[in-house]
Amino acid sequence: MDPLYIKLALGGLTVLGCIGIFFGIGLGLAAHKFAVETDPRVEAVQEVLAGGQ
């Protein structure tokens, strides 16, 4: 196999990996920033009415 093709494939994998890491970190930060806290009263009511669906 030609070494040029191997370098090209490894370069592509590196670029895609970096893009994946970049977007993964971005999505993690966005999820942390826009997280919604749940009201404990809602969970208590849902436990009481668990069979009412």
PDB file of N, CA and C in Angstrom:
ATOM      1  N   MET A   1       0.846  -1.176   0.000  1.00  0.00           N
ATOM      2  CA  MET A   1       0.000   0.000   0.000  1.00  0.00           C
ATOM      3  C   MET A   1       0.892   1.239   0.000  1.00  0.00           C
ATOM      4  N   ASP A   2       0.443   2.246  -0.672  1.00  0.00           N
ATOM      5  CA  ASP A   2       1.222   3.464  -0.822  1.00  0.00           C
ATOM      6  C   ASP A   2       1.241   4.257   0.493  1.00  0.00           C
ATOM      7  N   PRO A   3       2.422   4.716   0.933  1.00  0.00           N
ATOM      8  CA  PRO A   3       2.503   5.476   2.186  1.00  0.00           C
ATOM      9  C   PRO A   3       1.690   6.773   2.154  1.00  0.00           C
ATOM     10  N   LEU A   4       1.494   7.323   0.957  1.00  0.00           N
ATOM     11  CA  LEU A   4       0.694   8.542   0.846  1.00  0.00           C
ATOM     12  C   LEU A   4      -0.748   8.289   1.281  1.00  0.00           C
ATOM     13  N   TYR A   5      -1.309   7.147   0.885  1.00  0.00           N
ATOM     14  CA  TYR A   5      -2.687   6.815   1.264  1.00  0.00           C
ATOM     15  C   TYR A   5      -2.813   6.584   2.771  1.00  0.00           C
ATOM     16  N   ILE A   6      -1.786   6.004   3.336  1.00  0.00           N
ATOM     17  CA  ILE A   6      -1.806   5.762   4.790  1.00  0.00           C
ATOM     18  C   ILE A   6      -1.765   7.093   5.537  1.00  0.00           C
ATOM     19  N   LYS A   7      -0.901   8.013   5.095  1.00  0.00           N
ATOM     20  CA  LYS A   7      -0.829   9.332   5.732  1.00  0.00           C
ATOM     21  C   LYS A   7      -2.140  10.094   5.559  1.00  0.00           C
ATOM     22  N   LEU A   8      -2.733   9.972   4.382  1.00  0.00           N
ATOM     23  CA  LEU A   8      -3.992  10.648   4.123  1.00  0.00           C
ATOM     24  C   LEU A   8      -5.107  10.089   5.020  1.00  0.00           C
ATOM     25  N   ALA A   9      -5.150   8.778   5.171  1.00  0.00           N
ATOM     26  CA  ALA A   9      -6.166   8.156   6.017  1.00  0.00           C
ATOM     27  C   ALA A   9      -5.962   8.530   7.482  1.00  0.00           C
ATOM     28  N   LEU A  10      -4.723   8.510   7.956  1.00  0.00           N
ATOM     29  CA  LEU A  10      -4.457   8.875   9.347  1.00  0.00           C
ATOM     30  C   LEU A  10      -4.752  10.346   9.593  1.00  0.00           C
ATOM     31  N   GLY A  11      -4.463  11.182   8.608  1.00  0.00           N
ATOM     32  CA  GLY A  11      -4.779  12.604   8.746  1.00  0.00           C
ATOM     33  C   GLY A  11      -6.278  12.826   8.832  1.00  0.00           C
ATOM     34  N   GLY A  12      -7.029  12.107   8.008  1.00  0.00           N
ATOM     35  CA  GLY A  12      -8.489  12.228   8.051  1.00  0.00           C
ATOM     36  C   GLY A  12      -9.057  11.756   9.372  1.00  0.00           C
ATOM     37  N   LEU A  13      -8.534  10.634   9.866  1.00  0.00           N
ATOM     38  CA  LEU A  13      -9.003  10.134  11.162  1.00  0.00           C
ATOM     39  C   LEU A  13      -8.668  11.107  12.287  1.00  0.00           C
ATOM     40  N   THR A  14      -7.515  11.733  12.200  1.00  0.00           N
ATOM     41  CA  THR A  14      -7.118  12.706  13.218  1.00  0.00           C
ATOM     42  C   THR A  14      -8.045  13.923  13.192  1.00  0.00           C
ATOM     43  N   VAL A  15      -8.330  14.411  11.998  1.00  0.00           N
ATOM     44  CA  VAL A  15      -9.220  15.569  11.877  1.00  0.00           C
ATOM     45  C   VAL A  15     -10.618  15.226  12.398  1.00  0.00           C
ATOM     46  N   LEU A  16     -11.153  14.086  12.003  1.00  0.00           N
ATOM     47  CA  LEU A  16     -12.481  13.691  12.477  1.00  0.00           C
ATOM     48  C   LEU A  16     -12.496  13.487  13.992  1.00  0.00           C
ATOM     49  N   GLY A  17     -11.428  12.927  14.531  1.00  0.00           N
ATOM     50  CA  GLY A  17     -11.343  12.751  15.978  1.00  0.00           C
ATOM     51  C   GLY A  17     -11.320  14.075  16.715  1.00  0.00           C
ATOM     52  N   CYS A  18     -10.564  15.040  16.181  1.00  0.00           N
ATOM     53  CA  CYS A  18     -10.509  16.365  16.809  1.00  0.00           C
ATOM     54  C   CYS A  18     -11.860  17.068  16.736  1.00  0.00           C
ATOM     55  N   ILE A  19     -12.547  16.943  15.606  1.00  0.00           N
ATOM     56  CA  ILE A  19     -13.875  17.534  15.482  1.00  0.00           C
ATOM     57  C   ILE A  19     -14.834  16.889  16.483  1.00  0.00           C
ATOM     58  N   GLY A  20     -14.749  15.580  16.628  1.00  0.00           N
ATOM     59  CA  GLY A  20     -15.607  14.882  17.588  1.00  0.00           C
ATOM     60  C   GLY A  20     -15.348  15.317  19.015  1.00  0.00           C
ATOM     61  N   ILE A  21     -14.080  15.466  19.367  1.00  0.00           N
ATOM     62  CA  ILE A  21     -13.735  15.910  20.720  1.00  0.00           C
ATOM     63  C   ILE A  21     -14.232  17.333  20.948  1.00  0.00           C
ATOM     64  N   PHE A  22     -14.044  18.189  19.945  1.00  0.00           N
ATOM     65  CA  PHE A  22     -14.483  19.586  20.044  1.00  0.00           C
ATOM     66  C   PHE A  22     -15.992  19.672  20.271  1.00  0.00           C
ATOM     67  N   PHE A  23     -16.765  18.965  19.457  1.00  0.00           N
ATOM     68  CA  PHE A  23     -18.219  19.014  19.608  1.00  0.00           C
ATOM     69  C   PHE A  23     -18.671  18.303  20.880  1.00  0.00           C
ATOM     70  N   GLY A  24     -17.982  17.265  21.299  1.00  0.00           N
ATOM     71  CA  GLY A  24     -18.333  16.591  22.549  1.00  0.00           C
ATOM     72  C   GLY A  24     -18.162  17.505  23.743  1.00  0.00           C
ATOM     73  N   ILE A  25     -17.058  18.233  23.775  1.00  0.00           N
ATOM     74  CA  ILE A  25     -16.837  19.181  24.869  1.00  0.00           C
ATOM     75  C   ILE A  25     -17.873  20.301  24.813  1.00  0.00           C
ATOM     76  N   GLY A  26     -18.158  20.788  23.605  1.00  0.00           N
ATOM     77  CA  GLY A  26     -19.152  21.853  23.459  1.00  0.00           C
ATOM     78  C   GLY A  26     -20.525  21.426  23.917  1.00  0.00           C
ATOM     79  N   LEU A  27     -20.937  20.216  23.547  1.00  0.00           N
ATOM     80  CA  LEU A  27     -22.240  19.717  23.979  1.00  0.00           C
ATOM     81  C   LEU A  27     -22.280  19.488  25.485  1.00  0.00           C
ATOM     82  N   GLY A  28     -21.180  19.029  26.056  1.00  0.00           N
ATOM     83  CA  GLY A  28     -21.123  18.841  27.502  1.00  0.00           C
ATOM     84  C   GLY A  28     -21.250  20.160  28.251  1.00  0.00           C
ATOM     85  N   LEU A  29     -20.571  21.194  27.753  1.00  0.00           N
ATOM     86  CA  LEU A  29     -20.675  22.511  28.388  1.00  0.00           C
ATOM     87  C   LEU A  29     -22.081  23.091  28.227  1.00  0.00           C
ATOM     88  N   ALA A  30     -22.678  22.912  27.061  1.00  0.00           N
ATOM     89  CA  ALA A  30     -24.032  23.413  26.837  1.00  0.00           C
ATOM     90  C   ALA A  30     -25.031  22.690  27.733  1.00  0.00           C
ATOM     91  N   ALA A  31     -24.876  21.380  27.887  1.00  0.00           N
ATOM     92  CA  ALA A  31     -25.778  20.622  28.755  1.00  0.00           C
ATOM     93  C   ALA A  31     -25.654  21.082  30.204  1.00  0.00           C
ATOM     94  N   HIS A  32     -24.437  21.408  30.603  1.00  0.00           N
ATOM     95  CA  HIS A  32     -24.229  21.874  31.975  1.00  0.00           C
ATOM     96  C   HIS A  32     -24.830  23.273  32.160  1.00  0.00           C
ATOM     97  N   LYS A  33     -24.656  24.143  31.172  1.00  0.00           N
ATOM     98  CA  LYS A  33     -25.152  25.517  31.274  1.00  0.00           C
ATOM     99  C   LYS A  33     -26.676  25.574  31.234  1.00  0.00           C
ATOM    100  N   PHE A  34     -27.315  24.763  30.410  1.00  0.00           N
ATOM    101  CA  PHE A  34     -28.761  24.817  30.233  1.00  0.00           C
ATOM    102  C   PHE A  34     -29.496  23.718  30.994  1.00  0.00           C
ATOM    103  N   ALA A  35     -28.867  23.162  32.007  1.00  0.00           N
ATOM    104  CA  ALA A  35     -29.504  22.103  32.802  1.00  0.00           C
ATOM    105  C   ALA A  35     -30.709  22.664  33.552  1.00  0.00           C
ATOM    106  N   VAL A  36     -31.750  21.857  33.647  1.00  0.00           N
ATOM    107  CA  VAL A  36     -32.976  22.256  34.343  1.00  0.00           C
ATOM    108  C   VAL A  36     -33.075  21.431  35.624  1.00  0.00           C
ATOM    109  N   GLU A  37     -33.231  22.132  36.728  1.00  0.00           N
ATOM    110  CA  GLU A  37     -33.355  21.437  38.007  1.00  0.00           C
ATOM    111  C   GLU A  37     -34.799  20.951  38.161  1.00  0.00           C
ATOM    112  N   THR A  38     -34.942  19.754  38.698  1.00  0.00           N
ATOM    113  CA  THR A  38     -36.288  19.210  38.894  1.00  0.00           C
ATOM    114  C   THR A  38     -36.792  19.578  40.285  1.00  0.00           C
ATOM    115  N   ASP A  39     -38.081  19.762  40.364  1.00  0.00           N
ATOM    116  CA  ASP A  39     -38.721  20.092  41.632  1.00  0.00           C
ATOM    117  C   ASP A  39     -38.963  18.793  42.396  1.00  0.00           C
ATOM    118  N   PRO A  40     -38.486  18.674  43.623  1.00  0.00           N
ATOM    119  CA  PRO A  40     -38.678  17.423  44.373  1.00  0.00           C
ATOM    120  C   PRO A  40     -40.153  17.122  44.636  1.00  0.00           C
ATOM    121  N   ARG A  41     -41.008  18.133  44.634  1.00  0.00           N
ATOM    122  CA  ARG A  41     -42.436  17.892  44.848  1.00  0.00           C
ATOM    123  C   ARG A  41     -43.047  17.129  43.678  1.00  0.00           C
ATOM    124  N   VAL A  42     -42.551  17.380  42.471  1.00  0.00           N
ATOM    125  CA  VAL A  42     -43.070  16.680  41.298  1.00  0.00           C
ATOM    126  C   VAL A  42     -42.747  15.196  41.409  1.00  0.00           C
ATOM    127  N   GLU A  43     -41.540  14.865  41.833  1.00  0.00           N
ATOM    128  CA  GLU A  43     -41.159  13.458  41.995  1.00  0.00           C
ATOM    129  C   GLU A  43     -42.003  12.791  43.079  1.00  0.00           C
ATOM    130  N   ALA A  44     -42.304  13.524  44.161  1.00  0.00           N
ATOM    131  CA  ALA A  44     -43.118  12.950  45.235  1.00  0.00           C
ATOM    132  C   ALA A  44     -44.535  12.653  44.742  1.00  0.00           C
ATOM    133  N   VAL A  45     -45.089  13.535  43.960  1.00  0.00           N
ATOM    134  CA  VAL A  45     -46.441  13.322  43.430  1.00  0.00           C
ATOM    135  C   VAL A  45     -46.438  12.159  42.447  1.00  0.00           C
ATOM    136  N   GLN A  46     -45.415  12.049  41.615  1.00  0.00           N
ATOM    137  CA  GLN A  46     -45.330  10.950  40.659  1.00  0.00           C
ATOM    138  C   GLN A  46     -45.187   9.615  41.354  1.00  0.00           C
ATOM    139  N   GLU A  47     -44.513   9.557  42.496  1.00  0.00           N
ATOM    140  CA  GLU A  47     -44.404   8.309  43.241  1.00  0.00           C
ATOM    141  C   GLU A  47     -45.763   7.902  43.823  1.00  0.00           C
ATOM    142  N   VAL A  48     -46.523   8.867  44.278  1.00  0.00           N
ATOM    143  CA  VAL A  48     -47.834   8.575  44.846  1.00  0.00           C
ATOM    144  C   VAL A  48     -48.784   8.109  43.743  1.00  0.00           C
ATOM    145  N   LEU A  49     -48.698   8.719  42.573  1.00  0.00           N
ATOM    146  CA  LEU A  49     -49.600   8.406  41.463  1.00  0.00           C
ATOM    147  C   LEU A  49     -48.942   7.483  40.442  1.00  0.00           C
ATOM    148  N   ALA A  50     -48.082   6.601  40.896  1.00  0.00           N
ATOM    149  CA  ALA A  50     -47.318   5.766  39.972  1.00  0.00           C
ATOM    150  C   ALA A  50     -48.217   4.878  39.108  1.00  0.00           C
ATOM    151  N   GLY A  51     -49.326   4.374  39.627  1.00  0.00           N
ATOM    152  CA  GLY A  51     -50.188   3.491  38.859  1.00  0.00           C
ATOM    153  C   GLY A  51     -51.315   4.213  38.133  1.00  0.00           C
ATOM    154  N   GLY A  52     -51.323   5.520  38.152  1.00  0.00           N
ATOM    155  CA  GLY A  52     -52.428   6.267  37.582  1.00  0.00           C
ATOM    156  C   GLY A  52     -52.271   6.615  36.121  1.00  0.00           C
ATOM    157  N   GLN A  53     -51.356   5.981  35.438  1.00  0.00           N
ATOM    158  CA  GLN A  53     -51.148   6.329  34.036  1.00  0.00           C
ATOM    159  C   GLN A  53     -52.152   5.624  33.207  1.00  0.00           C
TER     160      GLN A  53
END
